[in-house]
């Protein structure tokens, strides 16, 4: 059985279904698993660090955020319990998705006031800085 796939909508590429099933160097199981990890943006402001996960299709109950010592771990497991008994799949790859990302936090953070919010497919985590780590305003120092 051969499938036709178009690359850049110009030329057809013939691909053997067995090769697609077993995986090639570019389409291996490991690269598929890596692609399930959501993209992350990390920003630093004067008052906090902000981590944003792009995780559409999940709900806030799918996430688990854990802090142990100075390591913040974000996990998600979503199972697809939908039973399609009337559908005859030739290939079915998505039953559940899972990911875990860990971040080592600097000493300058206030771990007691970390906040998380999931809205419109984005998980935002705000990690406030301790008072002594916040940026101080510029000032003139008098020379004696």
C-alpha atoms as a PDB file:
ATOM      1  CA  UNK A   1       0.000   0.000   0.000  1.00  0.00           C
ATOM      2  CA  UNK A   2       1.401   3.390  -0.969  1.00  0.00           C
ATOM      3  CA  UNK A   3       0.171   6.757   0.192  1.00  0.00           C
ATOM      4  CA  UNK A   4       0.634   9.981  -1.752  1.00  0.00           C
ATOM      5  CA  UNK A   5       1.673  13.030   0.173  1.00  0.00           C
ATOM      6  CA  UNK A   6       2.377  16.430  -1.331  1.00  0.00           C
ATOM      7  CA  UNK A   7       5.313  18.496  -0.168  1.00  0.00           C
ATOM      8  CA  UNK A   8       4.923  22.271  -0.645  1.00  0.00           C
ATOM      9  CA  UNK A   9       1.860  21.530  -2.835  1.00  0.00           C
ATOM     10  CA  UNK A  10       4.143  21.038  -5.860  1.00  0.00           C
ATOM     11  CA  UNK A  11       5.390  17.477  -6.248  1.00  0.00           C
ATOM     12  CA  UNK A  12       3.863  14.286  -4.949  1.00  0.00           C
ATOM     13  CA  UNK A  13       5.968  12.216  -2.568  1.00  0.00           C
ATOM     14  CA  UNK A  14       5.273   8.499  -2.387  1.00  0.00           C
ATOM     15  CA  UNK A  15       5.630   7.001   1.008  1.00  0.00           C
ATOM     16  CA  UNK A  16       5.260   3.432   2.089  1.00  0.00           C
ATOM     17  CA  UNK A  17       2.766   3.000   4.938  1.00  0.00           C
ATOM     18  CA  UNK A  18       5.088   0.547   6.711  1.00  0.00           C
ATOM     19  CA  UNK A  19       7.901   3.110   6.685  1.00  0.00           C
ATOM     20  CA  UNK A  20       5.467   5.650   8.113  1.00  0.00           C
ATOM     21  CA  UNK A  21       4.327   3.186  10.772  1.00  0.00           C
ATOM     22  CA  UNK A  22       7.805   2.107  11.901  1.00  0.00           C
ATOM     23  CA  UNK A  23       9.229   5.603  11.642  1.00  0.00           C
ATOM     24  CA  UNK A  24      12.124   7.108   9.789  1.00  0.00           C
ATOM     25  CA  UNK A  25      14.919   9.283  11.098  1.00  0.00           C
ATOM     26  CA  UNK A  26      12.816  12.441  10.715  1.00  0.00           C
ATOM     27  CA  UNK A  27       9.514  10.839  11.652  1.00  0.00           C
ATOM     28  CA  UNK A  28      10.577   8.629  14.554  1.00  0.00           C
ATOM     29  CA  UNK A  29       8.562   7.929  17.665  1.00  0.00           C
ATOM     30  CA  UNK A  30      10.983  10.064  19.678  1.00  0.00           C
ATOM     31  CA  UNK A  31      10.435  13.108  17.468  1.00  0.00           C
ATOM     32  CA  UNK A  32       6.668  12.600  17.738  1.00  0.00           C
ATOM     33  CA  UNK A  33       6.936  12.479  21.512  1.00  0.00           C
ATOM     34  CA  UNK A  34       9.052  15.644  21.551  1.00  0.00           C
ATOM     35  CA  UNK A  35       6.454  17.421  19.453  1.00  0.00           C
ATOM     36  CA  UNK A  36       3.830  16.776  22.155  1.00  0.00           C
ATOM     37  CA  UNK A  37       5.696  19.007  24.599  1.00  0.00           C
ATOM     38  CA  UNK A  38       4.079  22.433  24.463  1.00  0.00           C
ATOM     39  CA  UNK A  39       6.109  25.465  23.514  1.00  0.00           C
ATOM     40  CA  UNK A  40       7.122  27.638  26.460  1.00  0.00           C
ATOM     41  CA  UNK A  41       7.836  31.358  26.729  1.00  0.00           C
ATOM     42  CA  UNK A  42       9.793  32.563  29.748  1.00  0.00           C
ATOM     43  CA  UNK A  43       9.986  36.262  30.542  1.00  0.00           C
ATOM     44  CA  UNK A  44      11.544  38.248  33.359  1.00  0.00           C
ATOM     45  CA  UNK A  45      10.033  41.494  34.540  1.00  0.00           C
ATOM     46  CA  UNK A  46      11.164  43.781  37.337  1.00  0.00           C
ATOM     47  CA  UNK A  47       8.847  42.024  39.795  1.00  0.00           C
ATOM     48  CA  UNK A  48       8.544  38.424  38.565  1.00  0.00           C
ATOM     49  CA  UNK A  49       9.359  35.604  36.196  1.00  0.00           C
ATOM     50  CA  UNK A  50       6.542  34.528  33.880  1.00  0.00           C
ATOM     51  CA  UNK A  51       6.223  31.137  32.217  1.00  0.00           C
ATOM     52  CA  UNK A  52       3.590  30.626  29.509  1.00  0.00           C
ATOM     53  CA  UNK A  53       2.768  27.178  28.072  1.00  0.00           C
ATOM     54  CA  UNK A  54       0.903  26.923  24.754  1.00  0.00           C
ATOM     55  CA  UNK A  55      -1.430  24.016  25.567  1.00  0.00           C
ATOM     56  CA  UNK A  56      -4.678  24.291  23.602  1.00  0.00           C
ATOM     57  CA  UNK A  57      -7.307  21.608  24.007  1.00  0.00           C
ATOM     58  CA  UNK A  58      -6.531  20.970  27.655  1.00  0.00           C
ATOM     59  CA  UNK A  59      -8.440  22.082  30.719  1.00  0.00           C
ATOM     60  CA  UNK A  60      -7.025  23.302  33.992  1.00  0.00           C
ATOM     61  CA  UNK A  61      -7.830  19.965  35.623  1.00  0.00           C
ATOM     62  CA  UNK A  62      -5.419  18.262  33.166  1.00  0.00           C
ATOM     63  CA  UNK A  63      -2.430  20.078  34.712  1.00  0.00           C
ATOM     64  CA  UNK A  64      -0.419  19.362  37.817  1.00  0.00           C
ATOM     65  CA  UNK A  65       2.088  21.926  39.097  1.00  0.00           C
ATOM     66  CA  UNK A  66       4.484  20.721  41.765  1.00  0.00           C
ATOM     67  CA  UNK A  67       7.249  22.562  43.630  1.00  0.00           C
ATOM     68  CA  UNK A  68       9.951  20.595  45.403  1.00  0.00           C
ATOM     69  CA  UNK A  69      12.926  22.475  46.805  1.00  0.00           C
ATOM     70  CA  UNK A  70      13.841  24.843  43.957  1.00  0.00           C
ATOM     71  CA  UNK A  71      12.409  22.777  41.068  1.00  0.00           C
ATOM     72  CA  UNK A  72       9.026  23.674  39.564  1.00  0.00           C
ATOM     73  CA  UNK A  73       7.488  20.785  37.587  1.00  0.00           C
ATOM     74  CA  UNK A  74       4.484  21.114  35.279  1.00  0.00           C
ATOM     75  CA  UNK A  75       2.787  17.884  34.165  1.00  0.00           C
ATOM     76  CA  UNK A  76      -0.224  17.098  32.061  1.00  0.00           C
ATOM     77  CA  UNK A  77      -1.971  13.847  31.245  1.00  0.00           C
ATOM     78  CA  UNK A  78      -5.031  13.856  29.035  1.00  0.00           C
ATOM     79  CA  UNK A  79      -6.699  10.633  28.084  1.00  0.00           C
ATOM     80  CA  UNK A  80      -9.103  10.324  25.196  1.00  0.00           C
ATOM     81  CA  UNK A  81     -11.796   8.019  26.563  1.00  0.00           C
ATOM     82  CA  UNK A  82     -13.984   8.448  23.518  1.00  0.00           C
ATOM     83  CA  UNK A  83     -15.067   5.052  22.207  1.00  0.00           C
ATOM     84  CA  UNK A  84     -15.676   5.109  18.460  1.00  0.00           C
ATOM     85  CA  UNK A  85     -17.010   1.592  17.963  1.00  0.00           C
ATOM     86  CA  UNK A  86     -18.567   2.566  14.599  1.00  0.00           C
ATOM     87  CA  UNK A  87     -15.309   3.903  13.162  1.00  0.00           C
ATOM     88  CA  UNK A  88     -12.908   1.544  11.421  1.00  0.00           C
ATOM     89  CA  UNK A  89      -9.510   3.229  11.754  1.00  0.00           C
ATOM     90  CA  UNK A  90      -6.603   2.214   9.544  1.00  0.00           C
ATOM     91  CA  UNK A  91      -4.322   4.165  11.853  1.00  0.00           C
ATOM     92  CA  UNK A  92      -5.059   5.797  15.195  1.00  0.00           C
ATOM     93  CA  UNK A  93      -2.249   7.627  16.986  1.00  0.00           C
ATOM     94  CA  UNK A  94      -3.931   9.934  19.455  1.00  0.00           C
ATOM     95  CA  UNK A  95      -5.376   8.332  22.539  1.00  0.00           C
ATOM     96  CA  UNK A  96      -3.707  10.424  25.198  1.00  0.00           C
ATOM     97  CA  UNK A  97      -1.068  13.045  25.471  1.00  0.00           C
ATOM     98  CA  UNK A  98       1.306  13.635  28.313  1.00  0.00           C
ATOM     99  CA  UNK A  99       4.164  15.962  29.034  1.00  0.00           C
ATOM    100  CA  UNK A 100       6.365  17.056  31.885  1.00  0.00           C
ATOM    101  CA  UNK A 101       8.641  20.091  32.069  1.00  0.00           C
ATOM    102  CA  UNK A 102      10.810  21.058  35.031  1.00  0.00           C
ATOM    103  CA  UNK A 103      12.434  24.406  35.795  1.00  0.00           C
ATOM    104  CA  UNK A 104      15.075  25.166  38.400  1.00  0.00           C
ATOM    105  CA  UNK A 105      14.097  28.372  40.137  1.00  0.00           C
ATOM    106  CA  UNK A 106      16.671  30.928  41.277  1.00  0.00           C
ATOM    107  CA  UNK A 107      17.051  31.837  44.951  1.00  0.00           C
ATOM    108  CA  UNK A 108      15.553  35.258  44.239  1.00  0.00           C
ATOM    109  CA  UNK A 109      11.957  33.993  43.908  1.00  0.00           C
ATOM    110  CA  UNK A 110       9.160  34.116  46.450  1.00  0.00           C
ATOM    111  CA  UNK A 111       7.998  30.497  46.295  1.00  0.00           C
ATOM    112  CA  UNK A 112       5.056  31.103  48.640  1.00  0.00           C
ATOM    113  CA  UNK A 113       3.259  33.392  46.187  1.00  0.00           C
ATOM    114  CA  UNK A 114       3.483  31.509  42.877  1.00  0.00           C
ATOM    115  CA  UNK A 115       0.240  31.808  40.886  1.00  0.00           C
ATOM    116  CA  UNK A 116      -1.040  29.848  37.890  1.00  0.00           C
ATOM    117  CA  UNK A 117      -3.910  30.506  35.502  1.00  0.00           C
ATOM    118  CA  UNK A 118      -5.154  28.617  32.442  1.00  0.00           C
ATOM    119  CA  UNK A 119      -7.065  30.684  29.910  1.00  0.00           C
ATOM    120  CA  UNK A 120      -7.661  30.362  26.151  1.00  0.00           C
ATOM    121  CA  UNK A 121      -5.201  27.478  25.712  1.00  0.00           C
ATOM    122  CA  UNK A 122      -2.347  29.192  27.580  1.00  0.00           C
ATOM    123  CA  UNK A 123      -1.115  28.142  31.030  1.00  0.00           C
ATOM    124  CA  UNK A 124       0.470  31.192  32.667  1.00  0.00           C
ATOM    125  CA  UNK A 125       2.611  30.804  35.776  1.00  0.00           C
ATOM    126  CA  UNK A 126       3.736  33.918  37.612  1.00  0.00           C
ATOM    127  CA  UNK A 127       6.701  33.503  39.937  1.00  0.00           C
ATOM    128  CA  UNK A 128       7.207  36.694  41.967  1.00  0.00           C
ATOM    129  CA  UNK A 129      10.653  37.855  43.024  1.00  0.00           C
ATOM    130  CA  UNK A 130      11.619  38.501  46.622  1.00  0.00           C
ATOM    131  CA  UNK A 131      11.736  42.179  47.617  1.00  0.00           C
ATOM    132  CA  UNK A 132      15.523  42.216  47.801  1.00  0.00           C
ATOM    133  CA  UNK A 133      15.788  40.812  44.259  1.00  0.00           C
ATOM    134  CA  UNK A 134      13.548  43.400  42.622  1.00  0.00           C
ATOM    135  CA  UNK A 135      15.195  46.042  40.489  1.00  0.00           C
ATOM    136  CA  UNK A 136      15.983  49.193  42.390  1.00  0.00           C
ATOM    137  CA  UNK A 137      15.524  52.601  40.822  1.00  0.00           C
ATOM    138  CA  UNK A 138      18.642  54.475  39.765  1.00  0.00           C
ATOM    139  CA  UNK A 139      20.009  57.046  42.170  1.00  0.00           C
ATOM    140  CA  UNK A 140      22.962  59.368  42.428  1.00  0.00           C
ATOM    141  CA  UNK A 141      25.692  58.596  44.916  1.00  0.00           C
ATOM    142  CA  UNK A 142      27.408  61.575  46.417  1.00  0.00           C
ATOM    143  CA  UNK A 143      31.190  61.556  46.425  1.00  0.00           C
ATOM    144  CA  UNK A 144      32.735  62.669  49.716  1.00  0.00           C
END
